Amino acid sequence: MLNSYKDLIVWRRGIDLAKTIYKLTDRFPPHEQFGLISQMRRSAVSIPSNIAEGSARGTRKDYGQFLRIAYGSSAELETQIELGKQLGFGSKEDYNEADRQLNEIRRMLNVLISKISLKPKT
């Protein structure tokens, strides 16, 4: 039994990913402060934030919607990571780790969304 969204592995992995993105973007050029750095950080923070907010809403329908928003943020971040790679910001190893974490979270969100959608409405 979960007492809080903080008990969810996907939420914890989302926090880890956000920290990874902060560290990665610390190495970006300063002129990207209000561009790609800001976008990537907002997208990364949005993932665990929406998981938490959906959990706090109290209904399965709302929870599912916020999980889908978190998934959408993960797609935004995937795009931004790819752009950072193509622009040559950061190291290949940093991007490999971010990609690995992001893919794991996306799989977990897919499973959670499916499980919530299959349960009868309350």
PDB file of N, CA and C in Angstrom:
ATOM      1  N   MET A   1       0.842  -1.194   0.000  1.00  0.00           N
ATOM      2  CA  MET A   1       0.000   0.000   0.000  1.00  0.00           C
ATOM      3  C   MET A   1       0.880   1.249   0.000  1.00  0.00           C
ATOM      4  N   LEU A   2       0.571   2.151  -0.890  1.00  0.00           N
ATOM      5  CA  LEU A   2       1.325   3.394  -0.982  1.00  0.00           C
ATOM      6  C   LEU A   2       0.687   4.452  -0.096  1.00  0.00           C
ATOM      7  N   ASN A   3       1.520   5.144   0.648  1.00  0.00           N
ATOM      8  CA  ASN A   3       1.024   6.222   1.502  1.00  0.00           C
ATOM      9  C   ASN A   3       1.160   7.581   0.828  1.00  0.00           C
ATOM     10  N   SER A   4       2.036   7.647  -0.139  1.00  0.00           N
ATOM     11  CA  SER A   4       2.350   8.928  -0.760  1.00  0.00           C
ATOM     12  C   SER A   4       2.934   8.690  -2.158  1.00  0.00           C
ATOM     13  N   TYR A   5       2.853   9.710  -2.978  1.00  0.00           N
ATOM     14  CA  TYR A   5       3.504   9.645  -4.290  1.00  0.00           C
ATOM     15  C   TYR A   5       5.006   9.429  -4.127  1.00  0.00           C
ATOM     16  N   LYS A   6       5.553   9.825  -2.987  1.00  0.00           N
ATOM     17  CA  LYS A   6       6.986   9.643  -2.729  1.00  0.00           C
ATOM     18  C   LYS A   6       7.374   8.170  -2.636  1.00  0.00           C
ATOM     19  N   ASP A   7       6.369   7.312  -2.443  1.00  0.00           N
ATOM     20  CA  ASP A   7       6.612   5.867  -2.404  1.00  0.00           C
ATOM     21  C   ASP A   7       6.706   5.265  -3.802  1.00  0.00           C
ATOM     22  N   LEU A   8       6.297   6.016  -4.809  1.00  0.00           N
ATOM     23  CA  LEU A   8       6.323   5.517  -6.185  1.00  0.00           C
ATOM     24  C   LEU A   8       7.742   5.538  -6.742  1.00  0.00           C
ATOM     25  N   ILE A   9       8.179   4.419  -7.266  1.00  0.00           N
ATOM     26  CA  ILE A   9       9.513   4.341  -7.856  1.00  0.00           C
ATOM     27  C   ILE A   9       9.629   5.310  -9.031  1.00  0.00           C
ATOM     28  N   VAL A  10       8.578   5.433  -9.826  1.00  0.00           N
ATOM     29  CA  VAL A  10       8.627   6.321 -10.989  1.00  0.00           C
ATOM     30  C   VAL A  10       8.827   7.776 -10.557  1.00  0.00           C
ATOM     31  N   TRP A  11       8.231   8.174  -9.438  1.00  0.00           N
ATOM     32  CA  TRP A  11       8.431   9.538  -8.938  1.00  0.00           C
ATOM     33  C   TRP A  11       9.884   9.726  -8.516  1.00  0.00           C
ATOM     34  N   ARG A  12      10.431   8.746  -7.791  1.00  0.00           N
ATOM     35  CA  ARG A  12      11.829   8.825  -7.340  1.00  0.00           C
ATOM     36  C   ARG A  12      12.786   8.879  -8.530  1.00  0.00           C
ATOM     37  N   ARG A  13      12.489   8.062  -9.555  1.00  0.00           N
ATOM     38  CA  ARG A  13      13.332   8.078 -10.760  1.00  0.00           C
ATOM     39  C   ARG A  13      13.214   9.427 -11.476  1.00  0.00           C
ATOM     40  N   GLY A  14      12.028  10.036 -11.420  1.00  0.00           N
ATOM     41  CA  GLY A  14      11.845  11.355 -12.006  1.00  0.00           C
ATOM     42  C   GLY A  14      12.685  12.410 -11.312  1.00  0.00           C
ATOM     43  N   ILE A  15      12.776  12.326  -9.996  1.00  0.00           N
ATOM     44  CA  ILE A  15      13.638  13.243  -9.239  1.00  0.00           C
ATOM     45  C   ILE A  15      15.092  13.029  -9.646  1.00  0.00           C
ATOM     46  N   ASP A  16      15.498  11.768  -9.756  1.00  0.00           N
ATOM     47  CA  ASP A  16      16.877  11.460 -10.175  1.00  0.00           C
ATOM     48  C   ASP A  16      17.169  12.021 -11.563  1.00  0.00           C
ATOM     49  N   LEU A  17      16.209  11.876 -12.474  1.00  0.00           N
ATOM     50  CA  LEU A  17      16.382  12.396 -13.828  1.00  0.00           C
ATOM     51  C   LEU A  17      16.519  13.914 -13.807  1.00  0.00           C
ATOM     52  N   ALA A  18      15.693  14.581 -13.024  1.00  0.00           N
ATOM     53  CA  ALA A  18      15.777  16.044 -12.943  1.00  0.00           C
ATOM     54  C   ALA A  18      17.163  16.469 -12.456  1.00  0.00           C
ATOM     55  N   LYS A  19      17.698  15.765 -11.476  1.00  0.00           N
ATOM     56  CA  LYS A  19      19.051  16.085 -10.996  1.00  0.00           C
ATOM     57  C   LYS A  19      20.088  15.849 -12.097  1.00  0.00           C
ATOM     58  N   THR A  20      19.929  14.772 -12.848  1.00  0.00           N
ATOM     59  CA  THR A  20      20.839  14.489 -13.962  1.00  0.00           C
ATOM     60  C   THR A  20      20.793  15.612 -14.993  1.00  0.00           C
ATOM     61  N   ILE A  21      19.590  16.082 -15.305  1.00  0.00           N
ATOM     62  CA  ILE A  21      19.433  17.155 -16.297  1.00  0.00           C
ATOM     63  C   ILE A  21      20.037  18.454 -15.777  1.00  0.00           C
ATOM     64  N   TYR A  22      19.861  18.745 -14.506  1.00  0.00           N
ATOM     65  CA  TYR A  22      20.486  19.950 -13.943  1.00  0.00           C
ATOM     66  C   TYR A  22      22.005  19.883 -14.080  1.00  0.00           C
ATOM     67  N   LYS A  23      22.574  18.735 -13.767  1.00  0.00           N
ATOM     68  CA  LYS A  23      24.027  18.579 -13.875  1.00  0.00           C
ATOM     69  C   LYS A  23      24.485  18.674 -15.337  1.00  0.00           C
ATOM     70  N   LEU A  24      23.738  18.039 -16.228  1.00  0.00           N
ATOM     71  CA  LEU A  24      24.077  18.085 -17.654  1.00  0.00           C
ATOM     72  C   LEU A  24      24.046  19.520 -18.172  1.00  0.00           C
ATOM     73  N   THR A  25      22.991  20.240 -17.850  1.00  0.00           N
ATOM     74  CA  THR A  25      22.835  21.598 -18.385  1.00  0.00           C
ATOM     75  C   THR A  25      23.769  22.600 -17.723  1.00  0.00           C
ATOM     76  N   ASP A  26      24.327  22.249 -16.565  1.00  0.00           N
ATOM     77  CA  ASP A  26      25.348  23.110 -15.953  1.00  0.00           C
ATOM     78  C   ASP A  26      26.550  23.275 -16.878  1.00  0.00           C
ATOM     79  N   ARG A  27      26.749  22.312 -17.776  1.00  0.00           N
ATOM     80  CA  ARG A  27      27.901  22.334 -18.682  1.00  0.00           C
ATOM     81  C   ARG A  27      27.582  22.984 -20.034  1.00  0.00           C
ATOM     82  N   PHE A  28      26.346  23.420 -20.216  1.00  0.00           N
ATOM     83  CA  PHE A  28      25.970  24.079 -21.464  1.00  0.00           C
ATOM     84  C   PHE A  28      26.573  25.480 -21.507  1.00  0.00           C
ATOM     85  N   PRO A  29      26.688  26.049 -22.702  1.00  0.00           N
ATOM     86  CA  PRO A  29      27.210  27.418 -22.803  1.00  0.00           C
ATOM     87  C   PRO A  29      26.277  28.417 -22.101  1.00  0.00           C
ATOM     88  N   PRO A  30      26.847  29.444 -21.508  1.00  0.00           N
ATOM     89  CA  PRO A  30      26.034  30.435 -20.777  1.00  0.00           C
ATOM     90  C   PRO A  30      24.949  31.084 -21.632  1.00  0.00           C
ATOM     91  N   HIS A  31      25.183  31.229 -22.931  1.00  0.00           N
ATOM     92  CA  HIS A  31      24.167  31.875 -23.775  1.00  0.00           C
ATOM     93  C   HIS A  31      22.882  31.038 -23.894  1.00  0.00           C
ATOM     94  N   GLU A  32      22.910  29.798 -23.423  1.00  0.00           N
ATOM     95  CA  GLU A  32      21.713  28.947 -23.451  1.00  0.00           C
ATOM     96  C   GLU A  32      20.903  29.024 -22.152  1.00  0.00           C
ATOM     97  N   GLN A  33      21.317  29.901 -21.224  1.00  0.00           N
ATOM     98  CA  GLN A  33      20.656  30.008 -19.924  1.00  0.00           C
ATOM     99  C   GLN A  33      19.140  30.176 -20.047  1.00  0.00           C
ATOM    100  N   PHE A  34      18.707  31.014 -20.955  1.00  0.00           N
ATOM    101  CA  PHE A  34      17.275  31.273 -21.099  1.00  0.00           C
ATOM    102  C   PHE A  34      16.672  30.541 -22.296  1.00  0.00           C
ATOM    103  N   GLY A  35      17.435  29.661 -22.880  1.00  0.00           N
ATOM    104  CA  GLY A  35      16.976  28.865 -24.010  1.00  0.00           C
ATOM    105  C   GLY A  35      16.846  27.411 -23.613  1.00  0.00           C
ATOM    106  N   LEU A  36      17.723  26.598 -24.139  1.00  0.00           N
ATOM    107  CA  LEU A  36      17.638  25.151 -23.966  1.00  0.00           C
ATOM    108  C   LEU A  36      17.802  24.729 -22.506  1.00  0.00           C
ATOM    109  N   ILE A  37      18.667  25.390 -21.753  1.00  0.00           N
ATOM    110  CA  ILE A  37      18.845  25.031 -20.338  1.00  0.00           C
ATOM    111  C   ILE A  37      17.516  25.148 -19.600  1.00  0.00           C
ATOM    112  N   SER A  38      16.876  26.273 -19.760  1.00  0.00           N
ATOM    113  CA  SER A  38      15.611  26.527 -19.073  1.00  0.00           C
ATOM    114  C   SER A  38      14.530  25.530 -19.510  1.00  0.00           C
ATOM    115  N   GLN A  39      14.439  25.278 -20.804  1.00  0.00           N
ATOM    116  CA  GLN A  39      13.443  24.344 -21.330  1.00  0.00           C
ATOM    117  C   GLN A  39      13.651  22.929 -20.790  1.00  0.00           C
ATOM    118  N   MET A  40      14.901  22.466 -20.817  1.00  0.00           N
ATOM    119  CA  MET A  40      15.192  21.110 -20.365  1.00  0.00           C
ATOM    120  C   MET A  40      14.912  20.953 -18.875  1.00  0.00           C
ATOM    121  N   ARG A  41      15.288  21.932 -18.099  1.00  0.00           N
ATOM    122  CA  ARG A  41      15.047  21.856 -16.657  1.00  0.00           C
ATOM    123  C   ARG A  41      13.562  21.863 -16.342  1.00  0.00           C
ATOM    124  N   ARG A  42      12.805  22.701 -17.010  1.00  0.00           N
ATOM    125  CA  ARG A  42      11.348  22.737 -16.769  1.00  0.00           C
ATOM    126  C   ARG A  42      10.698  21.419 -17.158  1.00  0.00           C
ATOM    127  N   SER A  43      11.081  20.860 -18.290  1.00  0.00           N
ATOM    128  CA  SER A  43      10.520  19.583 -18.723  1.00  0.00           C
ATOM    129  C   SER A  43      10.856  18.479 -17.729  1.00  0.00           C
ATOM    130  N   ALA A  44      12.108  18.451 -17.278  1.00  0.00           N
ATOM    131  CA  ALA A  44      12.541  17.408 -16.342  1.00  0.00           C
ATOM    132  C   ALA A  44      11.815  17.525 -15.011  1.00  0.00           C
ATOM    133  N   VAL A  45      11.666  18.726 -14.495  1.00  0.00           N
ATOM    134  CA  VAL A  45      10.983  18.938 -13.216  1.00  0.00           C
ATOM    135  C   VAL A  45       9.490  18.642 -13.351  1.00  0.00           C
ATOM    136  N   SER A  46       8.949  18.869 -14.522  1.00  0.00           N
ATOM    137  CA  SER A  46       7.530  18.639 -14.765  1.00  0.00           C
ATOM    138  C   SER A  46       7.134  17.172 -14.609  1.00  0.00           C
ATOM    139  N   ILE A  47       8.041  16.267 -14.893  1.00  0.00           N
ATOM    140  CA  ILE A  47       7.711  14.840 -14.836  1.00  0.00           C
ATOM    141  C   ILE A  47       7.337  14.423 -13.415  1.00  0.00           C
ATOM    142  N   PRO A  48       8.227  14.534 -12.417  1.00  0.00           N
ATOM    143  CA  PRO A  48       7.821  14.132 -11.066  1.00  0.00           C
ATOM    144  C   PRO A  48       6.761  15.059 -10.468  1.00  0.00           C
ATOM    145  N   SER A  49       6.756  16.324 -10.887  1.00  0.00           N
ATOM    146  CA  SER A  49       5.755  17.260 -10.366  1.00  0.00           C
ATOM    147  C   SER A  49       4.343  16.839 -10.754  1.00  0.00           C
ATOM    148  N   ASN A  50       4.164  16.431 -11.998  1.00  0.00           N
ATOM    149  CA  ASN A  50       2.836  16.003 -12.446  1.00  0.00           C
ATOM    150  C   ASN A  50       2.436  14.661 -11.848  1.00  0.00           C
ATOM    151  N   ILE A  51       3.398  13.797 -11.611  1.00  0.00           N
ATOM    152  CA  ILE A  51       3.094  12.535 -10.925  1.00  0.00           C
ATOM    153  C   ILE A  51       2.570  12.856  -9.523  1.00  0.00           C
ATOM    154  N   ALA A  52       3.246  13.764  -8.833  1.00  0.00           N
ATOM    155  CA  ALA A  52       2.837  14.151  -7.480  1.00  0.00           C
ATOM    156  C   ALA A  52       1.462  14.824  -7.485  1.00  0.00           C
ATOM    157  N   GLU A  53       1.262  15.771  -8.397  1.00  0.00           N
ATOM    158  CA  GLU A  53      -0.015  16.486  -8.426  1.00  0.00           C
ATOM    159  C   GLU A  53      -1.167  15.550  -8.754  1.00  0.00           C
ATOM    160  N   GLY A  54      -0.959  14.672  -9.725  1.00  0.00           N
ATOM    161  CA  GLY A  54      -2.016  13.730 -10.074  1.00  0.00           C
ATOM    162  C   GLY A  54      -2.376  12.823  -8.907  1.00  0.00           C
ATOM    163  N   SER A  55      -1.379  12.386  -8.183  1.00  0.00           N
ATOM    164  CA  SER A  55      -1.605  11.525  -7.028  1.00  0.00           C
ATOM    165  C   SER A  55      -2.422  12.245  -5.956  1.00  0.00           C
ATOM    166  N   ALA A  56      -2.182  13.535  -5.818  1.00  0.00           N
ATOM    167  CA  ALA A  56      -2.868  14.316  -4.788  1.00  0.00           C
ATOM    168  C   ALA A  56      -4.292  14.696  -5.177  1.00  0.00           C
ATOM    169  N   ARG A  57      -4.656  14.557  -6.429  1.00  0.00           N
ATOM    170  CA  ARG A  57      -5.984  14.959  -6.890  1.00  0.00           C
ATOM    171  C   ARG A  57      -7.103  14.085  -6.341  1.00  0.00           C
ATOM    172  N   GLY A  58      -6.808  12.826  -6.108  1.00  0.00           N
ATOM    173  CA  GLY A  58      -7.792  11.981  -5.439  1.00  0.00           C
ATOM    174  C   GLY A  58      -8.703  11.155  -6.330  1.00  0.00           C
ATOM    175  N   THR A  59      -8.746  11.419  -7.628  1.00  0.00           N
ATOM    176  CA  THR A  59      -9.573  10.582  -8.491  1.00  0.00           C
ATOM    177  C   THR A  59      -8.686   9.891  -9.515  1.00  0.00           C
ATOM    178  N   ARG A  60      -9.095   8.729  -9.921  1.00  0.00           N
ATOM    179  CA  ARG A  60      -8.342   7.948 -10.900  1.00  0.00           C
ATOM    180  C   ARG A  60      -8.259   8.696 -12.236  1.00  0.00           C
ATOM    181  N   LYS A  61      -9.358   9.336 -12.610  1.00  0.00           N
ATOM    182  CA  LYS A  61      -9.391  10.067 -13.872  1.00  0.00           C
ATOM    183  C   LYS A  61      -8.363  11.207 -13.867  1.00  0.00           C
ATOM    184  N   ASP A  62      -8.343  11.991 -12.795  1.00  0.00           N
ATOM    185  CA  ASP A  62      -7.375  13.084 -12.695  1.00  0.00           C
ATOM    186  C   ASP A  62      -5.946  12.550 -12.649  1.00  0.00           C
ATOM    187  N   TYR A  63      -5.755  11.492 -11.899  1.00  0.00           N
ATOM    188  CA  TYR A  63      -4.428  10.903 -11.777  1.00  0.00           C
ATOM    189  C   TYR A  63      -3.919  10.462 -13.158  1.00  0.00           C
ATOM    190  N   GLY A  64      -4.770   9.785 -13.896  1.00  0.00           N
ATOM    191  CA  GLY A  64      -4.400   9.353 -15.244  1.00  0.00           C
ATOM    192  C   GLY A  64      -4.054  10.523 -16.141  1.00  0.00           C
ATOM    193  N   GLN A  65      -4.829  11.600 -16.041  1.00  0.00           N
ATOM    194  CA  GLN A  65      -4.560  12.784 -16.865  1.00  0.00           C
ATOM    195  C   GLN A  65      -3.193  13.386 -16.533  1.00  0.00           C
ATOM    196  N   PHE A  66      -2.870  13.488 -15.252  1.00  0.00           N
ATOM    197  CA  PHE A  66      -1.579  14.062 -14.872  1.00  0.00           C
ATOM    198  C   PHE A  66      -0.419  13.128 -15.229  1.00  0.00           C
ATOM    199  N   LEU A  67      -0.651  11.833 -15.195  1.00  0.00           N
ATOM    200  CA  LEU A  67       0.381  10.896 -15.651  1.00  0.00           C
ATOM    201  C   LEU A  67       0.632  11.071 -17.146  1.00  0.00           C
ATOM    202  N   ARG A  68      -0.446  11.325 -17.898  1.00  0.00           N
ATOM    203  CA  ARG A  68      -0.280  11.564 -19.329  1.00  0.00           C
ATOM    204  C   ARG A  68       0.460  12.888 -19.584  1.00  0.00           C
ATOM    205  N   ILE A  69       0.216  13.875 -18.747  1.00  0.00           N
ATOM    206  CA  ILE A  69       0.955  15.144 -18.867  1.00  0.00           C
ATOM    207  C   ILE A  69       2.439  14.899 -18.572  1.00  0.00           C
ATOM    208  N   ALA A  70       2.722  14.097 -17.543  1.00  0.00           N
ATOM    209  CA  ALA A  70       4.111  13.746 -17.222  1.00  0.00           C
ATOM    210  C   ALA A  70       4.752  13.041 -18.416  1.00  0.00           C
ATOM    211  N   TYR A  71       3.994  12.154 -19.052  1.00  0.00           N
ATOM    212  CA  TYR A  71       4.512  11.447 -20.225  1.00  0.00           C
ATOM    213  C   TYR A  71       4.794  12.434 -21.358  1.00  0.00           C
ATOM    214  N   GLY A  72       3.904  13.395 -21.529  1.00  0.00           N
ATOM    215  CA  GLY A  72       4.123  14.430 -22.540  1.00  0.00           C
ATOM    216  C   GLY A  72       5.385  15.238 -22.251  1.00  0.00           C
ATOM    217  N   SER A  73       5.609  15.547 -20.991  1.00  0.00           N
ATOM    218  CA  SER A  73       6.834  16.256 -20.614  1.00  0.00           C
ATOM    219  C   SER A  73       8.065  15.415 -20.919  1.00  0.00           C
ATOM    220  N   SER A  74       7.933  14.105 -20.777  1.00  0.00           N
ATOM    221  CA  SER A  74       9.063  13.226 -21.085  1.00  0.00           C
ATOM    222  C   SER A  74       9.379  13.261 -22.580  1.00  0.00           C
ATOM    223  N   ALA A  75       8.343  13.398 -23.414  1.00  0.00           N
ATOM    224  CA  ALA A  75       8.566  13.506 -24.859  1.00  0.00           C
ATOM    225  C   ALA A  75       9.235  14.834 -25.196  1.00  0.00           C
ATOM    226  N   GLU A  76       8.818  15.910 -24.517  1.00  0.00           N
ATOM    227  CA  GLU A  76       9.483  17.203 -24.708  1.00  0.00           C
ATOM    228  C   GLU A  76      10.962  17.090 -24.358  1.00  0.00           C
ATOM    229  N   LEU A  77      11.230  16.487 -23.196  1.00  0.00           N
ATOM    230  CA  LEU A  77      12.611  16.355 -22.747  1.00  0.00           C
ATOM    231  C   LEU A  77      13.429  15.493 -23.701  1.00  0.00           C
ATOM    232  N   GLU A  78      12.821  14.443 -24.229  1.00  0.00           N
ATOM    233  CA  GLU A  78      13.520  13.591 -25.192  1.00  0.00           C
ATOM    234  C   GLU A  78      13.968  14.413 -26.404  1.00  0.00           C
ATOM    235  N   THR A  79      13.092  15.276 -26.879  1.00  0.00           N
ATOM    236  CA  THR A  79      13.401  16.142 -28.011  1.00  0.00           C
ATOM    237  C   THR A  79      14.513  17.125 -27.663  1.00  0.00           C
ATOM    238  N   GLN A  80      14.439  17.708 -26.480  1.00  0.00           N
ATOM    239  CA  GLN A  80      15.439  18.683 -26.055  1.00  0.00           C
ATOM    240  C   GLN A  80      16.807  18.026 -25.836  1.00  0.00           C
ATOM    241  N   ILE A  81      16.803  16.819 -25.312  1.00  0.00           N
ATOM    242  CA  ILE A  81      18.056  16.070 -25.163  1.00  0.00           C
ATOM    243  C   ILE A  81      18.688  15.837 -26.534  1.00  0.00           C
ATOM    244  N   GLU A  82      17.880  15.440 -27.490  1.00  0.00           N
ATOM    245  CA  GLU A  82      18.387  15.203 -28.842  1.00  0.00           C
ATOM    246  C   GLU A  82      18.976  16.488 -29.434  1.00  0.00           C
ATOM    247  N   LEU A  83      18.311  17.593 -29.223  1.00  0.00           N
ATOM    248  CA  LEU A  83      18.816  18.865 -29.729  1.00  0.00           C
ATOM    249  C   LEU A  83      20.154  19.214 -29.075  1.00  0.00           C
ATOM    250  N   GLY A  84      20.245  19.026 -27.766  1.00  0.00           N
ATOM    251  CA  GLY A  84      21.503  19.285 -27.074  1.00  0.00           C
ATOM    252  C   GLY A  84      22.630  18.426 -27.605  1.00  0.00           C
ATOM    253  N   LYS A  85      22.318  17.151 -27.881  1.00  0.00           N
ATOM    254  CA  LYS A  85      23.319  16.243 -28.469  1.00  0.00           C
ATOM    255  C   LYS A  85      23.790  16.785 -29.816  1.00  0.00           C
ATOM    256  N   GLN A  86      22.829  17.130 -30.673  1.00  0.00           N
ATOM    257  CA  GLN A  86      23.177  17.572 -32.019  1.00  0.00           C
ATOM    258  C   GLN A  86      23.932  18.895 -32.026  1.00  0.00           C
ATOM    259  N   LEU A  87      23.720  19.713 -31.003  1.00  0.00           N
ATOM    260  CA  LEU A  87      24.449  20.978 -30.894  1.00  0.00           C
ATOM    261  C   LEU A  87      25.821  20.790 -30.252  1.00  0.00           C
ATOM    262  N   GLY A  88      26.077  19.585 -29.745  1.00  0.00           N
ATOM    263  CA  GLY A  88      27.382  19.283 -29.159  1.00  0.00           C
ATOM    264  C   GLY A  88      27.577  19.800 -27.749  1.00  0.00           C
ATOM    265  N   PHE A  89      26.473  20.037 -27.019  1.00  0.00           N
ATOM    266  CA  PHE A  89      26.566  20.490 -25.634  1.00  0.00           C
ATOM    267  C   PHE A  89      26.655  19.262 -24.729  1.00  0.00           C
ATOM    268  N   GLY A  90      27.655  19.179 -23.872  1.00  0.00           N
ATOM    269  CA  GLY A  90      27.765  18.062 -22.936  1.00  0.00           C
ATOM    270  C   GLY A  90      28.466  16.863 -23.550  1.00  0.00           C
ATOM    271  N   SER A  91      28.676  15.861 -22.702  1.00  0.00           N
ATOM    272  CA  SER A  91      29.399  14.666 -23.140  1.00  0.00           C
ATOM    273  C   SER A  91      28.444  13.541 -23.540  1.00  0.00           C
ATOM    274  N   LYS A  92      28.957  12.644 -24.352  1.00  0.00           N
ATOM    275  CA  LYS A  92      28.178  11.491 -24.790  1.00  0.00           C
ATOM    276  C   LYS A  92      27.726  10.659 -23.591  1.00  0.00           C
ATOM    277  N   GLU A  93      28.593  10.497 -22.599  1.00  0.00           N
ATOM    278  CA  GLU A  93      28.265   9.717 -21.408  1.00  0.00           C
ATOM    279  C   GLU A  93      27.097  10.339 -20.638  1.00  0.00           C
ATOM    280  N   ASP A  94      27.110  11.668 -20.519  1.00  0.00           N
ATOM    281  CA  ASP A  94      26.016  12.354 -19.830  1.00  0.00           C
ATOM    282  C   ASP A  94      24.686  12.120 -20.545  1.00  0.00           C
ATOM    283  N   TYR A  95      24.716  12.207 -21.867  1.00  0.00           N
ATOM    284  CA  TYR A  95      23.497  11.984 -22.637  1.00  0.00           C
ATOM    285  C   TYR A  95      23.040  10.530 -22.558  1.00  0.00           C
ATOM    286  N   ASN A  96      23.982   9.604 -22.567  1.00  0.00           N
ATOM    287  CA  ASN A  96      23.609   8.191 -22.442  1.00  0.00           C
ATOM    288  C   ASN A  96      22.877   7.939 -21.131  1.00  0.00           C
ATOM    289  N   GLU A  97      23.366   8.536 -20.063  1.00  0.00           N
ATOM    290  CA  GLU A  97      22.717   8.363 -18.753  1.00  0.00           C
ATOM    291  C   GLU A  97      21.329   9.012 -18.740  1.00  0.00           C
ATOM    292  N   ALA A  98      21.219  10.209 -19.262  1.00  0.00           N
ATOM    293  CA  ALA A  98      19.924  10.885 -19.315  1.00  0.00           C
ATOM    294  C   ALA A  98      18.932  10.074 -20.154  1.00  0.00           C
ATOM    295  N   ASP A  99      19.376   9.570 -21.303  1.00  0.00           N
ATOM    296  CA  ASP A  99      18.515   8.744 -22.155  1.00  0.00           C
ATOM    297  C   ASP A  99      18.070   7.475 -21.433  1.00  0.00           C
ATOM    298  N   ARG A 100      18.995   6.833 -20.736  1.00  0.00           N
ATOM    299  CA  ARG A 100      18.672   5.605 -20.010  1.00  0.00           C
ATOM    300  C   ARG A 100      17.606   5.872 -18.953  1.00  0.00           C
ATOM    301  N   GLN A 101      17.803   6.924 -18.182  1.00  0.00           N
ATOM    302  CA  GLN A 101      16.838   7.265 -17.137  1.00  0.00           C
ATOM    303  C   GLN A 101      15.478   7.628 -17.735  1.00  0.00           C
ATOM    304  N   LEU A 102      15.502   8.429 -18.781  1.00  0.00           N
ATOM    305  CA  LEU A 102      14.256   8.862 -19.412  1.00  0.00           C
ATOM    306  C   LEU A 102      13.487   7.674 -19.982  1.00  0.00           C
ATOM    307  N   ASN A 103      14.165   6.753 -20.648  1.00  0.00           N
ATOM    308  CA  ASN A 103      13.496   5.577 -21.205  1.00  0.00           C
ATOM    309  C   ASN A 103      12.868   4.715 -20.114  1.00  0.00           C
ATOM    310  N   GLU A 104      13.566   4.571 -19.001  1.00  0.00           N
ATOM    311  CA  GLU A 104      13.015   3.799 -17.879  1.00  0.00           C
ATOM    312  C   GLU A 104      11.743   4.462 -17.347  1.00  0.00           C
ATOM    313  N   ILE A 105      11.775   5.758 -17.175  1.00  0.00           N
ATOM    314  CA  ILE A 105      10.604   6.492 -16.673  1.00  0.00           C
ATOM    315  C   ILE A 105       9.439   6.388 -17.647  1.00  0.00           C
ATOM    316  N   ARG A 106       9.708   6.505 -18.924  1.00  0.00           N
ATOM    317  CA  ARG A 106       8.629   6.419 -19.920  1.00  0.00           C
ATOM    318  C   ARG A 106       7.968   5.041 -19.897  1.00  0.00           C
ATOM    319  N   ARG A 107       8.770   3.995 -19.743  1.00  0.00           N
ATOM    320  CA  ARG A 107       8.197   2.646 -19.632  1.00  0.00           C
ATOM    321  C   ARG A 107       7.336   2.524 -18.374  1.00  0.00           C
ATOM    322  N   MET A 108       7.832   3.051 -17.274  1.00  0.00           N
ATOM    323  CA  MET A 108       7.091   2.983 -16.014  1.00  0.00           C
ATOM    324  C   MET A 108       5.785   3.771 -16.098  1.00  0.00           C
ATOM    325  N   LEU A 109       5.836   4.936 -16.701  1.00  0.00           N
ATOM    326  CA  LEU A 109       4.612   5.728 -16.857  1.00  0.00           C
ATOM    327  C   LEU A 109       3.600   5.006 -17.736  1.00  0.00           C
ATOM    328  N   ASN A 110       4.060   4.388 -18.809  1.00  0.00           N
ATOM    329  CA  ASN A 110       3.158   3.625 -19.675  1.00  0.00           C
ATOM    330  C   ASN A 110       2.433   2.538 -18.894  1.00  0.00           C
ATOM    331  N   VAL A 111       3.171   1.805 -18.074  1.00  0.00           N
ATOM    332  CA  VAL A 111       2.570   0.728 -17.276  1.00  0.00           C
ATOM    333  C   VAL A 111       1.563   1.309 -16.286  1.00  0.00           C
ATOM    334  N   LEU A 112       1.945   2.368 -15.595  1.00  0.00           N
ATOM    335  CA  LEU A 112       1.062   2.971 -14.600  1.00  0.00           C
ATOM    336  C   LEU A 112      -0.203   3.529 -15.250  1.00  0.00           C
ATOM    337  N   ILE A 113      -0.064   4.188 -16.370  1.00  0.00           N
ATOM    338  CA  ILE A 113      -1.228   4.720 -17.088  1.00  0.00           C
ATOM    339  C   ILE A 113      -2.152   3.576 -17.508  1.00  0.00           C
ATOM    340  N   SER A 114      -1.586   2.500 -18.010  1.00  0.00           N
ATOM    341  CA  SER A 114      -2.394   1.346 -18.420  1.00  0.00           C
ATOM    342  C   SER A 114      -3.145   0.749 -17.250  1.00  0.00           C
ATOM    343  N   LYS A 115      -2.481   0.617 -16.124  1.00  0.00           N
ATOM    344  CA  LYS A 115      -3.126   0.032 -14.943  1.00  0.00           C
ATOM    345  C   LYS A 115      -4.258   0.905 -14.431  1.00  0.00           C
ATOM    346  N   ILE A 116      -4.056   2.190 -14.417  1.00  0.00           N
ATOM    347  CA  ILE A 116      -5.098   3.093 -13.943  1.00  0.00           C
ATOM    348  C   ILE A 116      -6.270   3.100 -14.896  1.00  0.00           C
ATOM    349  N   SER A 117      -6.005   3.020 -16.190  1.00  0.00           N
ATOM    350  CA  SER A 117      -7.078   3.048 -17.189  1.00  0.00           C
ATOM    351  C   SER A 117      -7.913   1.778 -17.164  1.00  0.00           C
ATOM    352  N   LEU A 118      -7.345   0.655 -16.737  1.00  0.00           N
ATOM    353  CA  LEU A 118      -8.055  -0.620 -16.734  1.00  0.00           C
ATOM    354  C   LEU A 118      -8.937  -0.815 -15.515  1.00  0.00           C
ATOM    355  N   LYS A 119      -8.705  -0.061 -14.463  1.00  0.00           N
ATOM    356  CA  LYS A 119      -9.488  -0.230 -13.239  1.00  0.00           C
ATOM    357  C   LYS A 119     -10.866   0.387 -13.419  1.00  0.00           C
ATOM    358  N   PRO A 120     -11.881  -0.216 -12.767  1.00  0.00           N
ATOM    359  CA  PRO A 120     -13.222   0.368 -12.860  1.00  0.00           C
ATOM    360  C   PRO A 120     -13.271   1.763 -12.228  1.00  0.00           C
ATOM    361  N   LYS A 121     -14.138   2.595 -12.759  1.00  0.00           N
ATOM    362  CA  LYS A 121     -14.273   3.962 -12.229  1.00  0.00           C
ATOM    363  C   LYS A 121     -14.868   3.933 -10.835  1.00  0.00           C
ATOM    364  N   THR A 122     -14.428   4.904 -10.024  1.00  0.00           N
ATOM    365  CA  THR A 122     -15.005   5.036  -8.672  1.00  0.00           C
ATOM    366  C   THR A 122     -15.606   6.388  -8.487  1.00  0.00           C
TER     367      THR A 122
END
